[in-house]
Amino acid sequence: MVLVTAGTFDITIGFDTCRLQPGDSIDFPSTMPHRYHNPTSHTARAVTVILYDCPGDATSPHTAP
Protein backbone atom coordinates (compact mmCIF):
# COMPACT_ATOMS: atom_id res chain seq x y z
CA MET A 1 0.00 0.00 0.00
CA VAL A 2 1.25 3.49 -0.83
CA LEU A 3 -0.21 6.70 0.64
CA VAL A 4 1.05 9.97 -0.86
CA THR A 5 1.50 12.67 1.79
CA ALA A 6 3.12 15.40 -0.34
CA GLY A 7 3.84 16.08 -3.99
CA THR A 8 3.02 13.86 -6.95
CA PHE A 9 3.93 10.27 -7.79
CA ASP A 10 3.40 8.38 -11.02
CA ILE A 11 3.18 4.75 -9.91
CA THR A 12 3.47 2.09 -12.58
CA ILE A 13 2.20 -1.38 -11.72
CA GLY A 14 2.73 -3.84 -14.52
CA PHE A 15 1.85 -1.81 -17.64
CA ASP A 16 -0.60 0.61 -15.96
CA THR A 17 0.41 4.01 -14.56
CA CYS A 18 -1.57 6.02 -12.00
CA ARG A 19 -0.87 9.60 -10.92
CA LEU A 20 -1.25 10.05 -7.17
CA GLN A 21 -1.57 13.37 -5.34
CA PRO A 22 -1.53 14.07 -1.56
CA GLY A 23 -4.20 11.97 0.16
CA ASP A 24 -4.37 9.43 -2.68
CA SER A 25 -3.48 5.81 -2.02
CA ILE A 26 -3.10 2.58 -3.95
CA ASP A 27 -2.59 -1.04 -3.00
CA PHE A 28 -1.26 -3.91 -5.09
CA PRO A 29 0.58 -7.20 -4.65
CA SER A 30 4.25 -6.38 -4.10
CA THR A 31 5.16 -9.34 -6.29
CA MET A 32 3.95 -7.37 -9.33
CA PRO A 33 6.58 -5.29 -11.14
CA HIS A 34 6.21 -1.70 -9.91
CA ARG A 35 7.95 1.65 -10.08
CA TYR A 36 7.51 5.03 -8.33
CA HIS A 37 8.44 8.21 -10.19
CA ASN A 38 8.18 11.87 -9.20
CA PRO A 39 7.25 13.66 -12.46
CA THR A 40 7.92 17.13 -10.98
CA SER A 41 10.87 19.06 -9.58
CA HIS A 42 9.10 19.35 -6.19
CA THR A 43 9.69 17.05 -3.24
CA ALA A 44 7.30 14.11 -3.03
CA ARG A 45 6.68 11.96 0.05
CA ALA A 46 4.75 8.77 0.62
CA VAL A 47 4.22 6.12 3.26
CA THR A 48 4.59 2.53 2.10
CA VAL A 49 3.25 -0.48 4.01
CA ILE A 50 4.27 -4.02 3.11
CA LEU A 51 2.41 -6.93 4.69
CA TYR A 52 3.79 -10.44 4.56
CA ASP A 53 1.66 -13.57 4.71
CA CYS A 54 2.12 -15.34 8.04
CA PRO A 55 1.65 -19.10 8.14
CA GLY A 56 -0.76 -20.26 10.81
CA ASP A 57 -2.42 -17.99 13.33
CA ALA A 58 -0.53 -14.69 13.54
CA THR A 59 -2.17 -13.88 16.91
CA SER A 60 -0.75 -16.91 18.73
CA PRO A 61 2.85 -16.83 20.02
CA HIS A 62 5.43 -18.41 17.73
CA THR A 63 7.43 -21.16 19.38
CA ALA A 64 10.49 -22.91 18.03
CA PRO A 65 10.42 -26.73 17.83
PDB file of N, CA and C in Angstrom:
ATOM      1  N   MET A   1       0.846  -1.166   0.000  1.00  0.00           N
ATOM      2  CA  MET A   1       0.000   0.000   0.000  1.00  0.00           C
ATOM      3  C   MET A   1       0.891   1.228   0.000  1.00  0.00           C
ATOM      4  N   VAL A   2       0.510   2.228  -0.761  1.00  0.00           N
ATOM      5  CA  VAL A   2       1.246   3.489  -0.827  1.00  0.00           C
ATOM      6  C   VAL A   2       0.253   4.615  -0.561  1.00  0.00           C
ATOM      7  N   LEU A   3       0.592   5.518   0.348  1.00  0.00           N
ATOM      8  CA  LEU A   3      -0.209   6.699   0.645  1.00  0.00           C
ATOM      9  C   LEU A   3       0.667   7.921   0.402  1.00  0.00           C
ATOM     10  N   VAL A   4       0.280   8.760  -0.538  1.00  0.00           N
ATOM     11  CA  VAL A   4       1.048   9.969  -0.856  1.00  0.00           C
ATOM     12  C   VAL A   4       0.689  11.048   0.161  1.00  0.00           C
ATOM     13  N   THR A   5       1.721  11.625   0.791  1.00  0.00           N
ATOM     14  CA  THR A   5       1.501  12.668   1.793  1.00  0.00           C
ATOM     15  C   THR A   5       1.879  14.056   1.277  1.00  0.00           C
ATOM     16  N   ALA A   6       2.727  14.111   0.240  1.00  0.00           N
ATOM     17  CA  ALA A   6       3.120  15.398  -0.345  1.00  0.00           C
ATOM     18  C   ALA A   6       3.604  15.179  -1.764  1.00  0.00           C
ATOM     19  N   GLY A   7       3.337  16.149  -2.620  1.00  0.00           N
ATOM     20  CA  GLY A   7       3.841  16.080  -3.989  1.00  0.00           C
ATOM     21  C   GLY A   7       3.025  15.148  -4.872  1.00  0.00           C
ATOM     22  N   THR A   8       3.662  14.690  -5.929  1.00  0.00           N
ATOM     23  CA  THR A   8       3.022  13.858  -6.945  1.00  0.00           C
ATOM     24  C   THR A   8       3.879  12.641  -7.237  1.00  0.00           C
ATOM     25  N   PHE A   9       3.240  11.490  -7.371  1.00  0.00           N
ATOM     26  CA  PHE A   9       3.928  10.267  -7.794  1.00  0.00           C
ATOM     27  C   PHE A   9       3.191   9.669  -8.982  1.00  0.00           C
ATOM     28  N   ASP A  10       3.929   9.266  -9.990  1.00  0.00           N
ATOM     29  CA  ASP A  10       3.403   8.380 -11.019  1.00  0.00           C
ATOM     30  C   ASP A  10       3.828   6.985 -10.599  1.00  0.00           C
ATOM     31  N   ILE A  11       2.877   6.111 -10.350  1.00  0.00           N
ATOM     32  CA  ILE A  11       3.179   4.754  -9.914  1.00  0.00           C
ATOM     33  C   ILE A  11       2.761   3.798 -11.020  1.00  0.00           C
ATOM     34  N   THR A  12       3.733   3.070 -11.527  1.00  0.00           N
ATOM     35  CA  THR A  12       3.474   2.090 -12.577  1.00  0.00           C
ATOM     36  C   THR A  12       3.444   0.716 -11.944  1.00  0.00           C
ATOM     37  N   ILE A  13       2.358  -0.005 -12.199  1.00  0.00           N
ATOM     38  CA  ILE A  13       2.198  -1.379 -11.718  1.00  0.00           C
ATOM     39  C   ILE A  13       1.923  -2.215 -12.957  1.00  0.00           C
ATOM     40  N   GLY A  14       2.846  -3.112 -13.264  1.00  0.00           N
ATOM     41  CA  GLY A  14       2.731  -3.842 -14.523  1.00  0.00           C
ATOM     42  C   GLY A  14       2.868  -2.856 -15.668  1.00  0.00           C
ATOM     43  N   PHE A  15       1.827  -2.739 -16.510  1.00  0.00           N
ATOM     44  CA  PHE A  15       1.853  -1.810 -17.637  1.00  0.00           C
ATOM     45  C   PHE A  15       0.943  -0.609 -17.425  1.00  0.00           C
ATOM     46  N   ASP A  16       0.322  -0.489 -16.248  1.00  0.00           N
ATOM     47  CA  ASP A  16      -0.601   0.607 -15.958  1.00  0.00           C
ATOM     48  C   ASP A  16       0.066   1.638 -15.058  1.00  0.00           C
ATOM     49  N   THR A  17      -0.152   2.926 -15.368  1.00  0.00           N
ATOM     50  CA  THR A  17       0.408   4.010 -14.563  1.00  0.00           C
ATOM     51  C   THR A  17      -0.720   4.851 -13.990  1.00  0.00           C
ATOM     52  N   CYS A  18      -0.598   5.158 -12.688  1.00  0.00           N
ATOM     53  CA  CYS A  18      -1.572   6.016 -12.005  1.00  0.00           C
ATOM     54  C   CYS A  18      -0.827   7.216 -11.446  1.00  0.00           C
ATOM     55  N   ARG A  19      -1.437   8.396 -11.528  1.00  0.00           N
ATOM     56  CA  ARG A  19      -0.867   9.595 -10.915  1.00  0.00           C
ATOM     57  C   ARG A  19      -1.544   9.804  -9.569  1.00  0.00           C
ATOM     58  N   LEU A  20      -0.736   9.866  -8.523  1.00  0.00           N
ATOM     59  CA  LEU A  20      -1.255  10.048  -7.171  1.00  0.00           C
ATOM     60  C   LEU A  20      -0.822  11.399  -6.628  1.00  0.00           C
ATOM     61  N   GLN A  21      -1.772  12.077  -5.980  1.00  0.00           N
ATOM     62  CA  GLN A  21      -1.569  13.373  -5.341  1.00  0.00           C
ATOM     63  C   GLN A  21      -1.708  13.184  -3.827  1.00  0.00           C
ATOM     64  N   PRO A  22      -1.394  14.204  -3.012  1.00  0.00           N
ATOM     65  CA  PRO A  22      -1.533  14.067  -1.560  1.00  0.00           C
ATOM     66  C   PRO A  22      -2.927  13.584  -1.161  1.00  0.00           C
ATOM     67  N   GLY A  23      -2.953  12.567  -0.305  1.00  0.00           N
ATOM     68  CA  GLY A  23      -4.204  11.972   0.157  1.00  0.00           C
ATOM     69  C   GLY A  23      -4.635  10.770  -0.663  1.00  0.00           C
ATOM     70  N   ASP A  24      -4.052  10.594  -1.855  1.00  0.00           N
ATOM     71  CA  ASP A  24      -4.374   9.429  -2.685  1.00  0.00           C
ATOM     72  C   ASP A  24      -3.580   8.219  -2.201  1.00  0.00           C
ATOM     73  N   SER A  25      -4.169   7.043  -2.386  1.00  0.00           N
ATOM     74  CA  SER A  25      -3.477   5.809  -2.020  1.00  0.00           C
ATOM     75  C   SER A  25      -3.771   4.741  -3.057  1.00  0.00           C
ATOM     76  N   ILE A  26      -2.938   3.711  -3.041  1.00  0.00           N
ATOM     77  CA  ILE A  26      -3.101   2.582  -3.953  1.00  0.00           C
ATOM     78  C   ILE A  26      -2.546   1.349  -3.260  1.00  0.00           C
ATOM     79  N   ASP A  27      -3.151   0.204  -3.531  1.00  0.00           N
ATOM     80  CA  ASP A  27      -2.587  -1.039  -3.003  1.00  0.00           C
ATOM     81  C   ASP A  27      -2.510  -2.046  -4.141  1.00  0.00           C
ATOM     82  N   PHE A  28      -1.512  -2.917  -4.055  1.00  0.00           N
ATOM     83  CA  PHE A  28      -1.263  -3.912  -5.090  1.00  0.00           C
ATOM     84  C   PHE A  28      -0.356  -4.984  -4.517  1.00  0.00           C
ATOM     85  N   PRO A  29      -0.347  -6.168  -5.119  1.00  0.00           N
ATOM     86  CA  PRO A  29       0.580  -7.202  -4.655  1.00  0.00           C
ATOM     87  C   PRO A  29       2.023  -6.776  -4.930  1.00  0.00           C
ATOM     88  N   SER A  30       2.854  -6.826  -3.927  1.00  0.00           N
ATOM     89  CA  SER A  30       4.246  -6.379  -4.101  1.00  0.00           C
ATOM     90  C   SER A  30       5.038  -7.290  -5.031  1.00  0.00           C
ATOM     91  N   THR A  31       4.483  -8.441  -5.359  1.00  0.00           N
ATOM     92  CA  THR A  31       5.157  -9.336  -6.289  1.00  0.00           C
ATOM     93  C   THR A  31       5.013  -8.866  -7.739  1.00  0.00           C
ATOM     94  N   MET A  32       4.095  -7.919  -7.987  1.00  0.00           N
ATOM     95  CA  MET A  32       3.953  -7.370  -9.334  1.00  0.00           C
ATOM     96  C   MET A  32       5.073  -6.365  -9.597  1.00  0.00           C
ATOM     97  N   PRO A  33       5.582  -6.313 -10.824  1.00  0.00           N
ATOM     98  CA  PRO A  33       6.585  -5.288 -11.142  1.00  0.00           C
ATOM     99  C   PRO A  33       5.979  -3.899 -10.906  1.00  0.00           C
ATOM    100  N   HIS A  34       6.717  -3.033 -10.203  1.00  0.00           N
ATOM    101  CA  HIS A  34       6.208  -1.704  -9.914  1.00  0.00           C
ATOM    102  C   HIS A  34       7.340  -0.693  -9.849  1.00  0.00           C
ATOM    103  N   ARG A  35       6.963   0.573 -10.051  1.00  0.00           N
ATOM    104  CA  ARG A  35       7.950   1.652 -10.079  1.00  0.00           C
ATOM    105  C   ARG A  35       7.277   2.932  -9.608  1.00  0.00           C
ATOM    106  N   TYR A  36       7.992   3.720  -8.776  1.00  0.00           N
ATOM    107  CA  TYR A  36       7.514   5.026  -8.331  1.00  0.00           C
ATOM    108  C   TYR A  36       8.363   6.085  -9.032  1.00  0.00           C
ATOM    109  N   HIS A  37       7.711   7.147  -9.505  1.00  0.00           N
ATOM    110  CA  HIS A  37       8.438   8.214 -10.191  1.00  0.00           C
ATOM    111  C   HIS A  37       7.810   9.553  -9.835  1.00  0.00           C
ATOM    112  N   ASN A  38       8.645  10.505  -9.461  1.00  0.00           N
ATOM    113  CA  ASN A  38       8.184  11.866  -9.197  1.00  0.00           C
ATOM    114  C   ASN A  38       8.316  12.640 -10.515  1.00  0.00           C
ATOM    115  N   PRO A  39       7.187  12.991 -11.161  1.00  0.00           N
ATOM    116  CA  PRO A  39       7.248  13.656 -12.458  1.00  0.00           C
ATOM    117  C   PRO A  39       7.508  15.170 -12.372  1.00  0.00           C
ATOM    118  N   THR A  40       7.723  15.685 -11.167  1.00  0.00           N
ATOM    119  CA  THR A  40       7.923  17.128 -10.982  1.00  0.00           C
ATOM    120  C   THR A  40       9.291  17.394 -10.373  1.00  0.00           C
ATOM    121  N   SER A  41       9.614  18.675 -10.227  1.00  0.00           N
ATOM    122  CA  SER A  41      10.872  19.061  -9.578  1.00  0.00           C
ATOM    123  C   SER A  41      10.667  19.329  -8.093  1.00  0.00           C
ATOM    124  N   HIS A  42       9.424  19.132  -7.598  1.00  0.00           N
ATOM    125  CA  HIS A  42       9.103  19.351  -6.193  1.00  0.00           C
ATOM    126  C   HIS A  42       9.299  18.058  -5.401  1.00  0.00           C
ATOM    127  N   THR A  43       9.543  18.206  -4.109  1.00  0.00           N
ATOM    128  CA  THR A  43       9.692  17.047  -3.235  1.00  0.00           C
ATOM    129  C   THR A  43       8.376  16.286  -3.141  1.00  0.00           C
ATOM    130  N   ALA A  44       8.469  14.974  -3.202  1.00  0.00           N
ATOM    131  CA  ALA A  44       7.296  14.109  -3.030  1.00  0.00           C
ATOM    132  C   ALA A  44       7.581  13.158  -1.874  1.00  0.00           C
ATOM    133  N   ARG A  45       6.541  12.877  -1.086  1.00  0.00           N
ATOM    134  CA  ARG A  45       6.684  11.962   0.048  1.00  0.00           C
ATOM    135  C   ARG A  45       5.507  11.000   0.068  1.00  0.00           C
ATOM    136  N   ALA A  46       5.804   9.787   0.518  1.00  0.00           N
ATOM    137  CA  ALA A  46       4.752   8.775   0.616  1.00  0.00           C
ATOM    138  C   ALA A  46       5.098   7.811   1.747  1.00  0.00           C
ATOM    139  N   VAL A  47       4.061   7.177   2.267  1.00  0.00           N
ATOM    140  CA  VAL A  47       4.216   6.122   3.261  1.00  0.00           C
ATOM    141  C   VAL A  47       3.904   4.811   2.554  1.00  0.00           C
ATOM    142  N   THR A  48       4.787   3.842   2.714  1.00  0.00           N
ATOM    143  CA  THR A  48       4.591   2.532   2.098  1.00  0.00           C
ATOM    144  C   THR A  48       4.462   1.491   3.197  1.00  0.00           C
ATOM    145  N   VAL A  49       3.464   0.617   3.065  1.00  0.00           N
ATOM    146  CA  VAL A  49       3.252  -0.477   4.011  1.00  0.00           C
ATOM    147  C   VAL A  49       3.328  -1.777   3.238  1.00  0.00           C
ATOM    148  N   ILE A  50       4.145  -2.695   3.730  1.00  0.00           N
ATOM    149  CA  ILE A  50       4.274  -4.017   3.112  1.00  0.00           C
ATOM    150  C   ILE A  50       3.862  -5.054   4.142  1.00  0.00           C
ATOM    151  N   LEU A  51       2.869  -5.870   3.805  1.00  0.00           N
ATOM    152  CA  LEU A  51       2.410  -6.928   4.695  1.00  0.00           C
ATOM    153  C   LEU A  51       2.833  -8.271   4.127  1.00  0.00           C
ATOM    154  N   TYR A  52       3.378  -9.107   4.965  1.00  0.00           N
ATOM    155  CA  TYR A  52       3.787 -10.439   4.564  1.00  0.00           C
ATOM    156  C   TYR A  52       2.766 -11.454   5.056  1.00  0.00           C
ATOM    157  N   ASP A  53       2.534 -12.490   4.272  1.00  0.00           N
ATOM    158  CA  ASP A  53       1.658 -13.573   4.713  1.00  0.00           C
ATOM    159  C   ASP A  53       2.339 -14.329   5.844  1.00  0.00           C
ATOM    160  N   CYS A  54       1.603 -14.586   6.905  1.00  0.00           N
ATOM    161  CA  CYS A  54       2.125 -15.343   8.039  1.00  0.00           C
ATOM    162  C   CYS A  54       1.470 -16.718   8.044  1.00  0.00           C
ATOM    163  N   PRO A  55       2.260 -17.773   8.059  1.00  0.00           N
ATOM    164  CA  PRO A  55       1.650 -19.100   8.141  1.00  0.00           C
ATOM    165  C   PRO A  55       1.024 -19.302   9.518  1.00  0.00           C
ATOM    166  N   GLY A  56      -0.100 -19.990   9.549  1.00  0.00           N
ATOM    167  CA  GLY A  56      -0.756 -20.265  10.813  1.00  0.00           C
ATOM    168  C   GLY A  56      -1.450 -19.042  11.375  1.00  0.00           C
ATOM    169  N   ASP A  57      -1.712 -19.055  12.663  1.00  0.00           N
ATOM    170  CA  ASP A  57      -2.424 -17.988  13.334  1.00  0.00           C
ATOM    171  C   ASP A  57      -1.427 -16.935  13.794  1.00  0.00           C
ATOM    172  N   ALA A  58      -1.485 -15.757  13.208  1.00  0.00           N
ATOM    173  CA  ALA A  58      -0.529 -14.691  13.538  1.00  0.00           C
ATOM    174  C   ALA A  58      -0.761 -14.136  14.937  1.00  0.00           C
ATOM    175  N   THR A  59      -1.912 -14.420  15.573  1.00  0.00           N
ATOM    176  CA  THR A  59      -2.170 -13.883  16.909  1.00  0.00           C
ATOM    177  C   THR A  59      -1.603 -14.773  18.017  1.00  0.00           C
ATOM    178  N   SER A  60      -1.295 -16.028  17.701  1.00  0.00           N
ATOM    179  CA  SER A  60      -0.747 -16.908  18.733  1.00  0.00           C
ATOM    180  C   SER A  60       0.777 -16.790  18.752  1.00  0.00           C
ATOM    181  N   PRO A  61       1.393 -16.955  19.931  1.00  0.00           N
ATOM    182  CA  PRO A  61       2.852 -16.835  20.024  1.00  0.00           C
ATOM    183  C   PRO A  61       3.546 -17.888  19.176  1.00  0.00           C
ATOM    184  N   HIS A  62       4.640 -17.480  18.559  1.00  0.00           N
ATOM    185  CA  HIS A  62       5.430 -18.411  17.734  1.00  0.00           C
ATOM    186  C   HIS A  62       6.453 -19.107  18.633  1.00  0.00           C
ATOM    187  N   THR A  63       6.475 -20.410  18.588  1.00  0.00           N
ATOM    188  CA  THR A  63       7.430 -21.163  19.382  1.00  0.00           C
ATOM    189  C   THR A  63       8.294 -22.002  18.460  1.00  0.00           C
ATOM    190  N   ALA A  64       9.558 -22.095  18.804  1.00  0.00           N
ATOM    191  CA  ALA A  64      10.486 -22.911  18.029  1.00  0.00           C
ATOM    192  C   ALA A  64      10.339 -24.368  18.420  1.00  0.00           C
ATOM    193  N   PRO A  65      10.547 -25.295  17.474  1.00  0.00           N
ATOM    194  CA  PRO A  65      10.420 -26.733  17.829  1.00  0.00           C
ATOM    195  C   PRO A  65      11.499 -27.193  18.783  1.00  0.00           C
TER     196      PRO A  65
END
